[in-house]
Amino acid sequence: MGCYNSIVIDKPASEVWEAFKDFHDLSWAKNVITKVEKIGDKSLNEIGSKRILNDAFHETLLSYDDDAKNLTYSIDDGPDVMSKDNVKGYIGEITVFPVTENDSSFVLWTSKWESAKKEGVAEFCNPIYYGVLQDLKSYFS
């Protein structure tokens, strides 16, 4: 069970990673993420930082590695099939890899979960991740 989404962006990995450094800022994903509410007092990439996206997705930052350009987060609650009553153990992971051939970036966004009472989690999430990655590419164009 999981989701897999990726994109190549014609910018260096260090530059693309900057978009992910603040867990509370998704302003570059303006076509998909219309609102980010910071919950609590944790800083921008501090483990345990919480946010609510679009008044629906409750997420927590689980790990952050600036050198590896990688972070993981949980979706703790959400709409429909993403609710805490349906999905258990949902973990998303974002990694920005350098493409050395032309100094561009490969962004990999995956997710997995332990269990779901109802089917359709991947079908619900994949279009969202696809749209966010398209926004990311547009942001750097």
C-alpha atoms as a PDB file:
ATOM      1  CA  MET A   1       0.000   0.000   0.000  1.00  0.00           C
ATOM      2  CA  GLY A   2       1.389   3.342  -0.969  1.00  0.00           C
ATOM      3  CA  CYS A   3       1.720   6.244  -3.356  1.00  0.00           C
ATOM      4  CA  TYR A   4       4.582   7.115  -5.668  1.00  0.00           C
ATOM      5  CA  ASN A   5       4.946  10.480  -7.378  1.00  0.00           C
ATOM      6  CA  SER A   6       7.991  12.132  -8.888  1.00  0.00           C
ATOM      7  CA  ILE A   7       9.048  15.008 -11.067  1.00  0.00           C
ATOM      8  CA  VAL A   8      12.219  16.429 -12.611  1.00  0.00           C
ATOM      9  CA  ILE A   9      12.789  20.146 -12.124  1.00  0.00           C
ATOM     10  CA  ASP A  10      15.374  22.105 -14.071  1.00  0.00           C
ATOM     11  CA  LYS A  11      16.957  23.677 -10.995  1.00  0.00           C
ATOM     12  CA  PRO A  12      19.715  22.493  -8.631  1.00  0.00           C
ATOM     13  CA  ALA A  13      18.612  20.214  -5.775  1.00  0.00           C
ATOM     14  CA  SER A  14      19.772  22.732  -3.161  1.00  0.00           C
ATOM     15  CA  GLU A  15      17.466  25.357  -4.657  1.00  0.00           C
ATOM     16  CA  VAL A  16      14.462  23.023  -4.945  1.00  0.00           C
ATOM     17  CA  TRP A  17      14.970  21.762  -1.378  1.00  0.00           C
ATOM     18  CA  GLU A  18      14.496  25.342  -0.135  1.00  0.00           C
ATOM     19  CA  ALA A  19      10.772  24.995  -0.936  1.00  0.00           C
ATOM     20  CA  PHE A  20      10.466  22.222   1.663  1.00  0.00           C
ATOM     21  CA  LYS A  21      12.552  23.775   4.462  1.00  0.00           C
ATOM     22  CA  ASP A  22       9.572  25.442   6.146  1.00  0.00           C
ATOM     23  CA  PHE A  23       6.961  22.815   7.045  1.00  0.00           C
ATOM     24  CA  HIS A  24       4.419  25.621   7.525  1.00  0.00           C
ATOM     25  CA  ASP A  25       4.908  27.270   4.114  1.00  0.00           C
ATOM     26  CA  LEU A  26       3.388  25.732   1.020  1.00  0.00           C
ATOM     27  CA  SER A  27       2.728  29.045  -0.728  1.00  0.00           C
ATOM     28  CA  TRP A  28       4.397  27.649  -3.844  1.00  0.00           C
ATOM     29  CA  ALA A  29       1.580  25.038  -4.139  1.00  0.00           C
ATOM     30  CA  LYS A  30      -1.098  27.680  -4.648  1.00  0.00           C
ATOM     31  CA  ASN A  31      -3.321  25.626  -6.966  1.00  0.00           C
ATOM     32  CA  VAL A  32      -3.691  22.766  -4.473  1.00  0.00           C
ATOM     33  CA  ILE A  33      -2.962  24.131  -0.986  1.00  0.00           C
ATOM     34  CA  THR A  34      -5.170  27.116  -0.255  1.00  0.00           C
ATOM     35  CA  LYS A  35      -4.515  27.334   3.492  1.00  0.00           C
ATOM     36  CA  VAL A  36      -1.819  26.216   5.921  1.00  0.00           C
ATOM     37  CA  GLU A  37      -2.534  26.624   9.606  1.00  0.00           C
ATOM     38  CA  LYS A  38       0.437  26.255  11.943  1.00  0.00           C
ATOM     39  CA  ILE A  39      -0.441  24.367  15.115  1.00  0.00           C
ATOM     40  CA  GLY A  40       1.643  24.845  18.255  1.00  0.00           C
ATOM     41  CA  ASP A  41       4.912  26.666  18.738  1.00  0.00           C
ATOM     42  CA  LYS A  42       7.444  24.401  17.003  1.00  0.00           C
ATOM     43  CA  SER A  43       9.659  26.101  14.435  1.00  0.00           C
ATOM     44  CA  LEU A  44       9.638  25.704  10.656  1.00  0.00           C
ATOM     45  CA  ASN A  45      11.428  22.333  10.449  1.00  0.00           C
ATOM     46  CA  GLU A  46      11.449  21.169  14.068  1.00  0.00           C
ATOM     47  CA  ILE A  47      10.437  17.551  14.602  1.00  0.00           C
ATOM     48  CA  GLY A  48       6.890  17.508  15.940  1.00  0.00           C
ATOM     49  CA  SER A  49       5.809  20.616  14.006  1.00  0.00           C
ATOM     50  CA  LYS A  50       2.128  20.390  13.155  1.00  0.00           C
ATOM     51  CA  ARG A  51      -0.019  21.908  10.442  1.00  0.00           C
ATOM     52  CA  ILE A  52      -3.506  21.699   9.003  1.00  0.00           C
ATOM     53  CA  LEU A  53      -3.799  21.933   5.225  1.00  0.00           C
ATOM     54  CA  ASN A  54      -6.955  23.303   3.618  1.00  0.00           C
ATOM     55  CA  ASP A  55      -8.822  22.950   6.932  1.00  0.00           C
ATOM     56  CA  ALA A  56      -8.736  19.185   6.367  1.00  0.00           C
ATOM     57  CA  PHE A  57      -5.363  17.410   6.577  1.00  0.00           C
ATOM     58  CA  HIS A  58      -3.731  17.277  10.020  1.00  0.00           C
ATOM     59  CA  GLU A  59      -0.021  16.566   9.589  1.00  0.00           C
ATOM     60  CA  THR A  60       3.041  16.214  11.833  1.00  0.00           C
ATOM     61  CA  LEU A  61       6.698  16.500  10.815  1.00  0.00           C
ATOM     62  CA  LEU A  62       8.429  13.255  11.840  1.00  0.00           C
ATOM     63  CA  SER A  63      11.951  13.681  10.466  1.00  0.00           C
ATOM     64  CA  TYR A  64      13.963  16.344   8.718  1.00  0.00           C
ATOM     65  CA  ASP A  65      17.438  15.939   7.214  1.00  0.00           C
ATOM     66  CA  ASP A  66      18.792  19.058   5.530  1.00  0.00           C
ATOM     67  CA  ASP A  67      21.939  17.298   4.251  1.00  0.00           C
ATOM     68  CA  ALA A  68      20.003  14.406   2.690  1.00  0.00           C
ATOM     69  CA  LYS A  69      17.248  16.784   1.483  1.00  0.00           C
ATOM     70  CA  ASN A  70      14.638  14.502   2.995  1.00  0.00           C
ATOM     71  CA  LEU A  71      11.676  14.775   5.319  1.00  0.00           C
ATOM     72  CA  THR A  72       8.904  12.527   6.561  1.00  0.00           C
ATOM     73  CA  TYR A  73       5.518  13.453   7.969  1.00  0.00           C
ATOM     74  CA  SER A  74       2.394  11.738   9.170  1.00  0.00           C
ATOM     75  CA  ILE A  75      -1.174  12.436   8.194  1.00  0.00           C
ATOM     76  CA  ASP A  76      -2.949  12.185  11.519  1.00  0.00           C
ATOM     77  CA  ASP A  77      -6.455  12.945  10.266  1.00  0.00           C
ATOM     78  CA  GLY A  78      -8.121  14.048   7.070  1.00  0.00           C
ATOM     79  CA  PRO A  79     -11.254  14.005   4.974  1.00  0.00           C
ATOM     80  CA  ASP A  80     -13.054  10.945   3.665  1.00  0.00           C
ATOM     81  CA  VAL A  81     -10.726   7.943   3.284  1.00  0.00           C
ATOM     82  CA  MET A  82      -7.898   9.870   4.990  1.00  0.00           C
ATOM     83  CA  SER A  83      -9.711  10.102   8.324  1.00  0.00           C
ATOM     84  CA  LYS A  84      -8.039   8.763  11.449  1.00  0.00           C
ATOM     85  CA  ASP A  85     -10.914   6.293  11.691  1.00  0.00           C
ATOM     86  CA  ASN A  86      -9.985   4.817   8.313  1.00  0.00           C
ATOM     87  CA  VAL A  87      -6.210   5.064   7.840  1.00  0.00           C
ATOM     88  CA  LYS A  88      -3.627   3.938  10.363  1.00  0.00           C
ATOM     89  CA  GLY A  89       0.072   4.769  10.204  1.00  0.00           C
ATOM     90  CA  TYR A  90       0.122   7.071   7.168  1.00  0.00           C
ATOM     91  CA  ILE A  91       3.674   8.310   6.505  1.00  0.00           C
ATOM     92  CA  GLY A  92       4.677  10.579   3.623  1.00  0.00           C
ATOM     93  CA  GLU A  93       8.263  11.082   2.520  1.00  0.00           C
ATOM     94  CA  ILE A  94       9.802  13.741   0.292  1.00  0.00           C
ATOM     95  CA  THR A  95      13.360  13.560  -1.032  1.00  0.00           C
ATOM     96  CA  VAL A  96      15.090  15.909  -3.459  1.00  0.00           C
ATOM     97  CA  PHE A  97      17.903  14.224  -5.393  1.00  0.00           C
ATOM     98  CA  PRO A  98      20.461  15.980  -7.583  1.00  0.00           C
ATOM     99  CA  VAL A  99      20.563  14.966 -11.233  1.00  0.00           C
ATOM    100  CA  THR A 100      24.254  15.424 -11.926  1.00  0.00           C
ATOM    101  CA  GLU A 101      23.992  15.277 -15.715  1.00  0.00           C
ATOM    102  CA  ASN A 102      22.491  18.758 -15.991  1.00  0.00           C
ATOM    103  CA  ASP A 103      22.349  20.081 -12.406  1.00  0.00           C
ATOM    104  CA  SER A 104      18.605  19.557 -12.155  1.00  0.00           C
ATOM    105  CA  SER A 105      16.538  17.834  -9.456  1.00  0.00           C
ATOM    106  CA  PHE A 106      14.520  14.669  -9.118  1.00  0.00           C
ATOM    107  CA  VAL A 107      11.806  15.075  -6.489  1.00  0.00           C
ATOM    108  CA  LEU A 108      10.370  11.854  -5.093  1.00  0.00           C
ATOM    109  CA  TRP A 109       7.193  11.953  -2.987  1.00  0.00           C
ATOM    110  CA  THR A 110       6.064   8.627  -1.602  1.00  0.00           C
ATOM    111  CA  SER A 111       3.697   7.497   1.087  1.00  0.00           C
ATOM    112  CA  LYS A 112       2.683   4.298   2.820  1.00  0.00           C
ATOM    113  CA  TRP A 113       0.264   3.278   5.524  1.00  0.00           C
ATOM    114  CA  GLU A 114      -0.205   0.330   7.815  1.00  0.00           C
ATOM    115  CA  SER A 115      -3.884  -0.284   7.147  1.00  0.00           C
ATOM    116  CA  ALA A 116      -7.090   1.224   5.842  1.00  0.00           C
ATOM    117  CA  LYS A 117     -10.627   0.053   6.542  1.00  0.00           C
ATOM    118  CA  LYS A 118     -11.855   1.404   3.216  1.00  0.00           C
ATOM    119  CA  GLU A 119     -10.039   1.239  -0.105  1.00  0.00           C
ATOM    120  CA  GLY A 120      -9.203   4.290  -2.174  1.00  0.00           C
ATOM    121  CA  VAL A 121      -6.420   5.953  -0.177  1.00  0.00           C
ATOM    122  CA  ALA A 122      -3.924   5.953  -3.075  1.00  0.00           C
ATOM    123  CA  GLU A 123      -6.622   7.000  -5.544  1.00  0.00           C
ATOM    124  CA  PHE A 124      -7.461   9.919  -3.250  1.00  0.00           C
ATOM    125  CA  CYS A 125      -3.869  10.996  -2.541  1.00  0.00           C
ATOM    126  CA  ASN A 126      -2.052  10.500  -5.857  1.00  0.00           C
ATOM    127  CA  PRO A 127      -3.863  13.313  -7.701  1.00  0.00           C
ATOM    128  CA  ILE A 128      -3.104  15.670  -4.805  1.00  0.00           C
ATOM    129  CA  TYR A 129       0.614  14.837  -4.854  1.00  0.00           C
ATOM    130  CA  TYR A 130       0.657  15.111  -8.640  1.00  0.00           C
ATOM    131  CA  GLY A 131      -0.911  18.577  -8.455  1.00  0.00           C
ATOM    132  CA  VAL A 132       1.474  19.750  -5.724  1.00  0.00           C
ATOM    133  CA  LEU A 133       4.476  18.579  -7.753  1.00  0.00           C
ATOM    134  CA  GLN A 134       3.131  20.350 -10.844  1.00  0.00           C
ATOM    135  CA  ASP A 135       2.849  23.524  -8.744  1.00  0.00           C
ATOM    136  CA  LEU A 136       6.429  23.017  -7.564  1.00  0.00           C
ATOM    137  CA  LYS A 137       7.637  22.743 -11.141  1.00  0.00           C
ATOM    138  CA  SER A 138       5.703  25.870 -12.133  1.00  0.00           C
ATOM    139  CA  TYR A 139       7.139  27.736  -9.154  1.00  0.00           C
ATOM    140  CA  PHE A 140      10.662  27.100 -10.436  1.00  0.00           C
ATOM    141  CA  SER A 141       9.855  27.805 -14.108  1.00  0.00           C
END
